[in-house]
């Protein structure tokens, strides 16, 4: 969400969504965490949301980001009136 909140002039975004182990829909591109995040590689579908939320990845050396819930991205898009391209994996 931090990345989306920083962008002021966006017309739309594209995100990938996966179901985590406790049933929440999370924004996450890869099936395995090790491709995007630090630490051991695990399947997102096998992880409870609390563990997914603790994952971190960086866009640069100053920002630690965490995977957001789909509902939070939907709310952001609605409030900004931006388009959303959603890929369910």
PDB file of N, CA and C in Angstrom:
ATOM      1  N   UNK A   1       0.818  -1.192   0.000  1.00  0.00           N
ATOM      2  CA  UNK A   1       0.000   0.000   0.000  1.00  0.00           C
ATOM      3  C   UNK A   1       0.862   1.257   0.000  1.00  0.00           C
ATOM      4  N   UNK A   2       2.037   1.165   0.604  1.00  0.00           N
ATOM      5  CA  UNK A   2       2.882   2.353   0.652  1.00  0.00           C
ATOM      6  C   UNK A   2       3.219   2.848  -0.748  1.00  0.00           C
ATOM      7  N   UNK A   3       3.472   1.940  -1.671  1.00  0.00           N
ATOM      8  CA  UNK A   3       3.816   2.338  -3.042  1.00  0.00           C
ATOM      9  C   UNK A   3       2.631   3.021  -3.693  1.00  0.00           C
ATOM     10  N   UNK A   4       1.444   2.455  -3.558  1.00  0.00           N
ATOM     11  CA  UNK A   4       0.258   3.040  -4.159  1.00  0.00           C
ATOM     12  C   UNK A   4      -0.040   4.410  -3.559  1.00  0.00           C
ATOM     13  N   UNK A   5       0.156   4.560  -2.267  1.00  0.00           N
ATOM     14  CA  UNK A   5      -0.125   5.830  -1.603  1.00  0.00           C
ATOM     15  C   UNK A   5       0.840   6.932  -2.020  1.00  0.00           C
ATOM     16  N   UNK A   6       2.050   6.569  -2.451  1.00  0.00           N
ATOM     17  CA  UNK A   6       3.040   7.578  -2.834  1.00  0.00           C
ATOM     18  C   UNK A   6       2.769   8.160  -4.213  1.00  0.00           C
ATOM     19  N   UNK A   7       2.090   7.412  -5.055  1.00  0.00           N
ATOM     20  CA  UNK A   7       1.829   7.851  -6.419  1.00  0.00           C
ATOM     21  C   UNK A   7       0.609   8.766  -6.443  1.00  0.00           C
ATOM     22  N   UNK A   8       0.782  10.001  -6.854  1.00  0.00           N
ATOM     23  CA  UNK A   8      -0.316  10.957  -6.843  1.00  0.00           C
ATOM     24  C   UNK A   8      -1.110  11.004  -8.139  1.00  0.00           C
ATOM     25  N   UNK A   9      -0.473  10.762  -9.258  1.00  0.00           N
ATOM     26  CA  UNK A   9      -1.137  10.932 -10.547  1.00  0.00           C
ATOM     27  C   UNK A   9      -1.219   9.612 -11.303  1.00  0.00           C
ATOM     28  N   UNK A  10      -1.908   8.640 -10.741  1.00  0.00           N
ATOM     29  CA  UNK A  10      -2.042   7.364 -11.422  1.00  0.00           C
ATOM     30  C   UNK A  10      -3.451   7.224 -11.986  1.00  0.00           C
ATOM     31  N   UNK A  11      -3.529   6.670 -13.186  1.00  0.00           N
ATOM     32  CA  UNK A  11      -4.824   6.396 -13.800  1.00  0.00           C
ATOM     33  C   UNK A  11      -5.322   5.004 -13.423  1.00  0.00           C
ATOM     34  N   UNK A  12      -4.382   4.108 -13.159  1.00  0.00           N
ATOM     35  CA  UNK A  12      -4.755   2.738 -12.833  1.00  0.00           C
ATOM     36  C   UNK A  12      -3.547   1.930 -12.401  1.00  0.00           C
ATOM     37  N   UNK A  13      -3.823   0.760 -11.859  1.00  0.00           N
ATOM     38  CA  UNK A  13      -2.757  -0.139 -11.429  1.00  0.00           C
ATOM     39  C   UNK A  13      -3.108  -1.566 -11.850  1.00  0.00           C
ATOM     40  N   UNK A  14      -2.091  -2.418 -11.928  1.00  0.00           N
ATOM     41  CA  UNK A  14      -2.249  -3.834 -12.207  1.00  0.00           C
ATOM     42  C   UNK A  14      -1.668  -4.581 -11.032  1.00  0.00           C
ATOM     43  N   UNK A  15      -2.426  -5.524 -10.487  1.00  0.00           N
ATOM     44  CA  UNK A  15      -1.945  -6.306  -9.353  1.00  0.00           C
ATOM     45  C   UNK A  15      -2.263  -7.788  -9.559  1.00  0.00           C
ATOM     46  N   UNK A  16      -1.510  -8.621  -8.887  1.00  0.00           N
ATOM     47  CA  UNK A  16      -1.753 -10.056  -8.850  1.00  0.00           C
ATOM     48  C   UNK A  16      -2.244 -10.405  -7.446  1.00  0.00           C
ATOM     49  N   UNK A  17      -3.228 -11.286  -7.384  1.00  0.00           N
ATOM     50  CA  UNK A  17      -3.846 -11.626  -6.101  1.00  0.00           C
ATOM     51  C   UNK A  17      -3.775 -13.132  -5.879  1.00  0.00           C
ATOM     52  N   UNK A  18      -3.475 -13.495  -4.655  1.00  0.00           N
ATOM     53  CA  UNK A  18      -3.412 -14.906  -4.257  1.00  0.00           C
ATOM     54  C   UNK A  18      -4.166 -15.103  -2.954  1.00  0.00           C
ATOM     55  N   UNK A  19      -4.662 -16.303  -2.784  1.00  0.00           N
ATOM     56  CA  UNK A  19      -5.305 -16.699  -1.539  1.00  0.00           C
ATOM     57  C   UNK A  19      -4.228 -17.211  -0.593  1.00  0.00           C
ATOM     58  N   UNK A  20      -4.217 -16.691   0.636  1.00  0.00           N
ATOM     59  CA  UNK A  20      -3.246 -17.190   1.610  1.00  0.00           C
ATOM     60  C   UNK A  20      -3.885 -18.323   2.421  1.00  0.00           C
ATOM     61  N   UNK A  21      -3.114 -18.921   3.300  1.00  0.00           N
ATOM     62  CA  UNK A  21      -3.540 -20.101   4.034  1.00  0.00           C
ATOM     63  C   UNK A  21      -4.734 -19.916   4.952  1.00  0.00           C
ATOM     64  N   UNK A  22      -5.007 -18.697   5.372  1.00  0.00           N
ATOM     65  CA  UNK A  22      -6.159 -18.449   6.251  1.00  0.00           C
ATOM     66  C   UNK A  22      -7.338 -17.840   5.504  1.00  0.00           C
ATOM     67  N   UNK A  23      -7.247 -17.805   4.161  1.00  0.00           N
ATOM     68  CA  UNK A  23      -8.388 -17.406   3.353  1.00  0.00           C
ATOM     69  C   UNK A  23      -8.447 -15.974   2.891  1.00  0.00           C
ATOM     70  N   UNK A  24      -7.528 -15.127   3.314  1.00  0.00           N
ATOM     71  CA  UNK A  24      -7.529 -13.738   2.867  1.00  0.00           C
ATOM     72  C   UNK A  24      -6.929 -13.645   1.462  1.00  0.00           C
ATOM     73  N   UNK A  25      -7.401 -12.678   0.692  1.00  0.00           N
ATOM     74  CA  UNK A  25      -6.844 -12.393  -0.623  1.00  0.00           C
ATOM     75  C   UNK A  25      -5.765 -11.329  -0.460  1.00  0.00           C
ATOM     76  N   UNK A  26      -4.538 -11.697  -0.824  1.00  0.00           N
ATOM     77  CA  UNK A  26      -3.403 -10.789  -0.667  1.00  0.00           C
ATOM     78  C   UNK A  26      -2.807 -10.460  -2.024  1.00  0.00           C
ATOM     79  N   UNK A  27      -2.243  -9.265  -2.126  1.00  0.00           N
ATOM     80  CA  UNK A  27      -1.572  -8.840  -3.343  1.00  0.00           C
ATOM     81  C   UNK A  27      -0.157  -9.395  -3.294  1.00  0.00           C
ATOM     82  N   UNK A  28       0.092 -10.345  -4.199  1.00  0.00           N
ATOM     83  CA  UNK A  28       1.400 -11.016  -4.215  1.00  0.00           C
ATOM     84  C   UNK A  28       1.592 -11.628  -5.588  1.00  0.00           C
ATOM     85  N   UNK A  29       2.685 -11.338  -6.242  1.00  0.00           N
ATOM     86  CA  UNK A  29       2.898 -11.782  -7.621  1.00  0.00           C
ATOM     87  C   UNK A  29       3.220 -13.271  -7.728  1.00  0.00           C
ATOM     88  N   UNK A  30       4.200 -13.727  -7.000  1.00  0.00           N
ATOM     89  CA  UNK A  30       4.695 -15.096  -7.158  1.00  0.00           C
ATOM     90  C   UNK A  30       4.042 -16.068  -6.185  1.00  0.00           C
ATOM     91  N   UNK A  31       4.014 -17.332  -6.574  1.00  0.00           N
ATOM     92  CA  UNK A  31       3.451 -18.373  -5.700  1.00  0.00           C
ATOM     93  C   UNK A  31       4.333 -18.611  -4.482  1.00  0.00           C
ATOM     94  N   UNK A  32       5.634 -18.414  -4.642  1.00  0.00           N
ATOM     95  CA  UNK A  32       6.592 -18.623  -3.559  1.00  0.00           C
ATOM     96  C   UNK A  32       7.166 -17.293  -3.095  1.00  0.00           C
ATOM     97  N   UNK A  33       7.349 -17.163  -1.802  1.00  0.00           N
ATOM     98  CA  UNK A  33       7.805 -15.894  -1.228  1.00  0.00           C
ATOM     99  C   UNK A  33       9.263 -15.581  -1.512  1.00  0.00           C
ATOM    100  N   UNK A  34      10.085 -16.579  -1.704  1.00  0.00           N
ATOM    101  CA  UNK A  34      11.517 -16.366  -1.862  1.00  0.00           C
ATOM    102  C   UNK A  34      11.914 -15.590  -3.102  1.00  0.00           C
ATOM    103  N   UNK A  35      11.032 -15.509  -4.071  1.00  0.00           N
ATOM    104  CA  UNK A  35      11.350 -14.772  -5.289  1.00  0.00           C
ATOM    105  C   UNK A  35      11.232 -13.269  -5.105  1.00  0.00           C
ATOM    106  N   UNK A  36      10.436 -12.817  -4.148  1.00  0.00           N
ATOM    107  CA  UNK A  36      10.221 -11.387  -3.924  1.00  0.00           C
ATOM    108  C   UNK A  36      10.718 -10.905  -2.574  1.00  0.00           C
ATOM    109  N   UNK A  37      10.767 -11.795  -1.612  1.00  0.00           N
ATOM    110  CA  UNK A  37      11.020 -11.376  -0.224  1.00  0.00           C
ATOM    111  C   UNK A  37      12.275 -12.021   0.331  1.00  0.00           C
ATOM    112  N   UNK A  38      12.751 -11.431   1.410  1.00  0.00           N
ATOM    113  CA  UNK A  38      13.892 -11.998   2.117  1.00  0.00           C
ATOM    114  C   UNK A  38      13.448 -13.226   2.906  1.00  0.00           C
ATOM    115  N   UNK A  39      14.382 -14.103   3.167  1.00  0.00           N
ATOM    116  CA  UNK A  39      14.084 -15.281   3.983  1.00  0.00           C
ATOM    117  C   UNK A  39      13.804 -16.513   3.143  1.00  0.00           C
ATOM    118  N   UNK A  40      13.475 -17.601   3.822  1.00  0.00           N
ATOM    119  CA  UNK A  40      13.231 -18.858   3.112  1.00  0.00           C
ATOM    120  C   UNK A  40      11.986 -18.776   2.227  1.00  0.00           C
ATOM    121  N   UNK A  41      12.006 -19.534   1.158  1.00  0.00           N
ATOM    122  CA  UNK A  41      10.892 -19.527   0.226  1.00  0.00           C
ATOM    123  C   UNK A  41       9.769 -20.434   0.730  1.00  0.00           C
ATOM    124  N   UNK A  42       8.562 -19.881   0.770  1.00  0.00           N
ATOM    125  CA  UNK A  42       7.379 -20.622   1.199  1.00  0.00           C
ATOM    126  C   UNK A  42       6.245 -20.341   0.225  1.00  0.00           C
ATOM    127  N   UNK A  43       5.312 -21.261   0.134  1.00  0.00           N
ATOM    128  CA  UNK A  43       4.131 -21.060  -0.702  1.00  0.00           C
ATOM    129  C   UNK A  43       3.158 -20.137   0.022  1.00  0.00           C
ATOM    130  N   UNK A  44       2.728 -19.072  -0.648  1.00  0.00           N
ATOM    131  CA  UNK A  44       1.791 -18.120  -0.052  1.00  0.00           C
ATOM    132  C   UNK A  44       0.506 -18.823   0.375  1.00  0.00           C
ATOM    133  N   UNK A  45       0.035 -19.766  -0.414  1.00  0.00           N
ATOM    134  CA  UNK A  45      -1.213 -20.477  -0.137  1.00  0.00           C
ATOM    135  C   UNK A  45      -1.141 -21.283   1.165  1.00  0.00           C
ATOM    136  N   UNK A  46       0.066 -21.605   1.611  1.00  0.00           N
ATOM    137  CA  UNK A  46       0.236 -22.371   2.842  1.00  0.00           C
ATOM    138  C   UNK A  46       0.480 -21.503   4.074  1.00  0.00           C
ATOM    139  N   UNK A  47       0.600 -20.206   3.881  1.00  0.00           N
ATOM    140  CA  UNK A  47       0.948 -19.309   4.988  1.00  0.00           C
ATOM    141  C   UNK A  47      -0.281 -18.603   5.553  1.00  0.00           C
ATOM    142  N   UNK A  48      -0.389 -18.508   6.887  1.00  0.00           N
ATOM    143  CA  UNK A  48      -1.454 -17.676   7.453  1.00  0.00           C
ATOM    144  C   UNK A  48      -1.182 -16.203   7.135  1.00  0.00           C
ATOM    145  N   UNK A  49      -2.252 -15.410   7.112  1.00  0.00           N
ATOM    146  CA  UNK A  49      -2.096 -13.996   6.750  1.00  0.00           C
ATOM    147  C   UNK A  49      -1.105 -13.270   7.644  1.00  0.00           C
ATOM    148  N   UNK A  50      -1.089 -13.553   8.929  1.00  0.00           N
ATOM    149  CA  UNK A  50      -0.147 -12.875   9.827  1.00  0.00           C
ATOM    150  C   UNK A  50       1.294 -13.063   9.367  1.00  0.00           C
ATOM    151  N   UNK A  51       1.625 -14.264   8.874  1.00  0.00           N
ATOM    152  CA  UNK A  51       2.984 -14.518   8.377  1.00  0.00           C
ATOM    153  C   UNK A  51       3.226 -13.788   7.061  1.00  0.00           C
ATOM    154  N   UNK A  52       2.225 -13.758   6.190  1.00  0.00           N
ATOM    155  CA  UNK A  52       2.362 -13.030   4.920  1.00  0.00           C
ATOM    156  C   UNK A  52       2.585 -11.545   5.205  1.00  0.00           C
ATOM    157  N   UNK A  53       1.852 -10.998   6.147  1.00  0.00           N
ATOM    158  CA  UNK A  53       1.949  -9.577   6.484  1.00  0.00           C
ATOM    159  C   UNK A  53       3.324  -9.218   7.039  1.00  0.00           C
ATOM    160  N   UNK A  54       4.010 -10.177   7.635  1.00  0.00           N
ATOM    161  CA  UNK A  54       5.349  -9.918   8.175  1.00  0.00           C
ATOM    162  C   UNK A  54       6.442  -9.965   7.106  1.00  0.00           C
ATOM    163  N   UNK A  55       6.110 -10.457   5.918  1.00  0.00           N
ATOM    164  CA  UNK A  55       7.095 -10.488   4.839  1.00  0.00           C
ATOM    165  C   UNK A  55       7.480  -9.065   4.453  1.00  0.00           C
ATOM    166  N   UNK A  56       8.729  -8.888   4.082  1.00  0.00           N
ATOM    167  CA  UNK A  56       9.176  -7.568   3.638  1.00  0.00           C
ATOM    168  C   UNK A  56       9.937  -7.686   2.328  1.00  0.00           C
ATOM    169  N   UNK A  57       9.805  -6.662   1.528  1.00  0.00           N
ATOM    170  CA  UNK A  57      10.598  -6.517   0.320  1.00  0.00           C
ATOM    171  C   UNK A  57      10.842  -5.030   0.134  1.00  0.00           C
ATOM    172  N   UNK A  58      11.817  -4.709  -0.691  1.00  0.00           N
ATOM    173  CA  UNK A  58      12.226  -3.308  -0.820  1.00  0.00           C
ATOM    174  C   UNK A  58      12.202  -2.861  -2.263  1.00  0.00           C
ATOM    175  N   UNK A  59      11.788  -1.611  -2.466  1.00  0.00           N
ATOM    176  CA  UNK A  59      11.936  -0.973  -3.770  1.00  0.00           C
ATOM    177  C   UNK A  59      13.293  -0.299  -3.867  1.00  0.00           C
ATOM    178  N   UNK A  60      13.774   0.182  -2.735  1.00  0.00           N
ATOM    179  CA  UNK A  60      15.108   0.761  -2.659  1.00  0.00           C
ATOM    180  C   UNK A  60      15.609   0.528  -1.235  1.00  0.00           C
ATOM    181  N   UNK A  61      16.740   1.076  -0.906  1.00  0.00           N
ATOM    182  CA  UNK A  61      17.349   0.789   0.392  1.00  0.00           C
ATOM    183  C   UNK A  61      16.647   1.459   1.570  1.00  0.00           C
ATOM    184  N   UNK A  62      15.674   2.326   1.317  1.00  0.00           N
ATOM    185  CA  UNK A  62      15.054   3.063   2.420  1.00  0.00           C
ATOM    186  C   UNK A  62      13.642   2.593   2.769  1.00  0.00           C
ATOM    187  N   UNK A  63      13.002   1.830   1.911  1.00  0.00           N
ATOM    188  CA  UNK A  63      11.596   1.483   2.133  1.00  0.00           C
ATOM    189  C   UNK A  63      11.399  -0.011   2.296  1.00  0.00           C
ATOM    190  N   UNK A  64      10.842  -0.422   3.410  1.00  0.00           N
ATOM    191  CA  UNK A  64      10.453  -1.814   3.623  1.00  0.00           C
ATOM    192  C   UNK A  64       8.954  -1.915   3.400  1.00  0.00           C
ATOM    193  N   UNK A  65       8.540  -2.744   2.468  1.00  0.00           N
ATOM    194  CA  UNK A  65       7.132  -2.864   2.098  1.00  0.00           C
ATOM    195  C   UNK A  65       6.577  -4.211   2.522  1.00  0.00           C
ATOM    196  N   UNK A  66       5.265  -4.270   2.730  1.00  0.00           N
ATOM    197  CA  UNK A  66       4.576  -5.486   3.129  1.00  0.00           C
ATOM    198  C   UNK A  66       3.414  -5.733   2.170  1.00  0.00           C
ATOM    199  N   UNK A  67       3.118  -6.993   1.876  1.00  0.00           N
ATOM    200  CA  UNK A  67       2.006  -7.290   0.964  1.00  0.00           C
ATOM    201  C   UNK A  67       0.666  -6.822   1.542  1.00  0.00           C
ATOM    202  N   UNK A  68      -0.100  -6.051   0.770  1.00  0.00           N
ATOM    203  CA  UNK A  68      -1.404  -5.583   1.269  1.00  0.00           C
ATOM    204  C   UNK A  68      -2.516  -6.587   0.971  1.00  0.00           C
ATOM    205  N   UNK A  69      -3.617  -6.410   1.645  1.00  0.00           N
ATOM    206  CA  UNK A  69      -4.833  -7.165   1.353  1.00  0.00           C
ATOM    207  C   UNK A  69      -5.504  -6.576   0.112  1.00  0.00           C
ATOM    208  N   UNK A  70      -6.202  -7.423  -0.636  1.00  0.00           N
ATOM    209  CA  UNK A  70      -6.933  -6.950  -1.804  1.00  0.00           C
ATOM    210  C   UNK A  70      -7.955  -5.886  -1.414  1.00  0.00           C
ATOM    211  N   UNK A  71      -8.659  -6.086  -0.302  1.00  0.00           N
ATOM    212  CA  UNK A  71      -9.701  -5.130   0.096  1.00  0.00           C
ATOM    213  C   UNK A  71      -9.128  -3.734   0.320  1.00  0.00           C
ATOM    214  N   UNK A  72      -7.901  -3.641   0.806  1.00  0.00           N
ATOM    215  CA  UNK A  72      -7.279  -2.333   1.026  1.00  0.00           C
ATOM    216  C   UNK A  72      -6.938  -1.656  -0.303  1.00  0.00           C
ATOM    217  N   UNK A  73      -6.488  -2.431  -1.276  1.00  0.00           N
ATOM    218  CA  UNK A  73      -6.191  -1.874  -2.592  1.00  0.00           C
ATOM    219  C   UNK A  73      -7.483  -1.440  -3.284  1.00  0.00           C
ATOM    220  N   UNK A  74      -8.549  -2.238  -3.140  1.00  0.00           N
ATOM    221  CA  UNK A  74      -9.838  -1.864  -3.722  1.00  0.00           C
ATOM    222  C   UNK A  74     -10.337  -0.540  -3.156  1.00  0.00           C
ATOM    223  N   UNK A  75     -10.194  -0.365  -1.864  1.00  0.00           N
ATOM    224  CA  UNK A  75     -10.621   0.886  -1.222  1.00  0.00           C
ATOM    225  C   UNK A  75      -9.793   2.068  -1.730  1.00  0.00           C
ATOM    226  N   UNK A  76      -8.501   1.871  -1.863  1.00  0.00           N
ATOM    227  CA  UNK A  76      -7.636   2.928  -2.367  1.00  0.00           C
ATOM    228  C   UNK A  76      -8.021   3.306  -3.799  1.00  0.00           C
ATOM    229  N   UNK A  77      -8.256   2.316  -4.634  1.00  0.00           N
ATOM    230  CA  UNK A  77      -8.646   2.591  -6.028  1.00  0.00           C
ATOM    231  C   UNK A  77      -9.989   3.309  -6.087  1.00  0.00           C
ATOM    232  N   UNK A  78     -10.913   2.913  -5.237  1.00  0.00           N
ATOM    233  CA  UNK A  78     -12.213   3.586  -5.214  1.00  0.00           C
ATOM    234  C   UNK A  78     -12.070   5.040  -4.772  1.00  0.00           C
ATOM    235  N   UNK A  79     -11.273   5.273  -3.743  1.00  0.00           N
ATOM    236  CA  UNK A  79     -11.124   6.639  -3.232  1.00  0.00           C
ATOM    237  C   UNK A  79     -10.387   7.539  -4.221  1.00  0.00           C
ATOM    238  N   UNK A  80      -9.501   6.965  -5.024  1.00  0.00           N
ATOM    239  CA  UNK A  80      -8.751   7.750  -6.012  1.00  0.00           C
ATOM    240  C   UNK A  80      -9.379   7.699  -7.398  1.00  0.00           C
ATOM    241  N   UNK A  81     -10.402   6.923  -7.537  1.00  0.00           N
ATOM    242  CA  UNK A  81     -11.085   6.745  -8.818  1.00  0.00           C
ATOM    243  C   UNK A  81     -10.110   6.324  -9.916  1.00  0.00           C
ATOM    244  N   UNK A  82      -9.273   5.343  -9.584  1.00  0.00           N
ATOM    245  CA  UNK A  82      -8.338   4.830 -10.576  1.00  0.00           C
ATOM    246  C   UNK A  82      -8.766   3.433 -11.023  1.00  0.00           C
ATOM    247  N   UNK A  83      -8.354   3.067 -12.212  1.00  0.00           N
ATOM    248  CA  UNK A  83      -8.687   1.765 -12.783  1.00  0.00           C
ATOM    249  C   UNK A  83      -7.845   0.683 -12.137  1.00  0.00           C
ATOM    250  N   UNK A  84      -8.376  -0.540 -12.110  1.00  0.00           N
ATOM    251  CA  UNK A  84      -7.666  -1.671 -11.521  1.00  0.00           C
ATOM    252  C   UNK A  84      -7.734  -2.848 -12.460  1.00  0.00           C
ATOM    253  N   UNK A  85      -6.574  -3.365 -12.825  1.00  0.00           N
ATOM    254  CA  UNK A  85      -6.468  -4.604 -13.579  1.00  0.00           C
ATOM    255  C   UNK A  85      -6.039  -5.663 -12.588  1.00  0.00           C
ATOM    256  N   UNK A  86      -6.908  -6.629 -12.377  1.00  0.00           N
ATOM    257  CA  UNK A  86      -6.708  -7.622 -11.324  1.00  0.00           C
ATOM    258  C   UNK A  86      -6.482  -8.985 -11.950  1.00  0.00           C
ATOM    259  N   UNK A  87      -5.363  -9.614 -11.597  1.00  0.00           N
ATOM    260  CA  UNK A  87      -5.081 -10.969 -12.061  1.00  0.00           C
ATOM    261  C   UNK A  87      -5.118 -11.907 -10.864  1.00  0.00           C
ATOM    262  N   UNK A  88      -6.039 -12.842 -10.913  1.00  0.00           N
ATOM    263  CA  UNK A  88      -6.178 -13.824  -9.839  1.00  0.00           C
ATOM    264  C   UNK A  88      -5.329 -15.021 -10.205  1.00  0.00           C
ATOM    265  N   UNK A  89      -4.423 -15.376  -9.320  1.00  0.00           N
ATOM    266  CA  UNK A  89      -3.499 -16.483  -9.612  1.00  0.00           C
ATOM    267  C   UNK A  89      -3.844 -17.710  -8.804  1.00  0.00           C
TER     268      UNK A  89
END
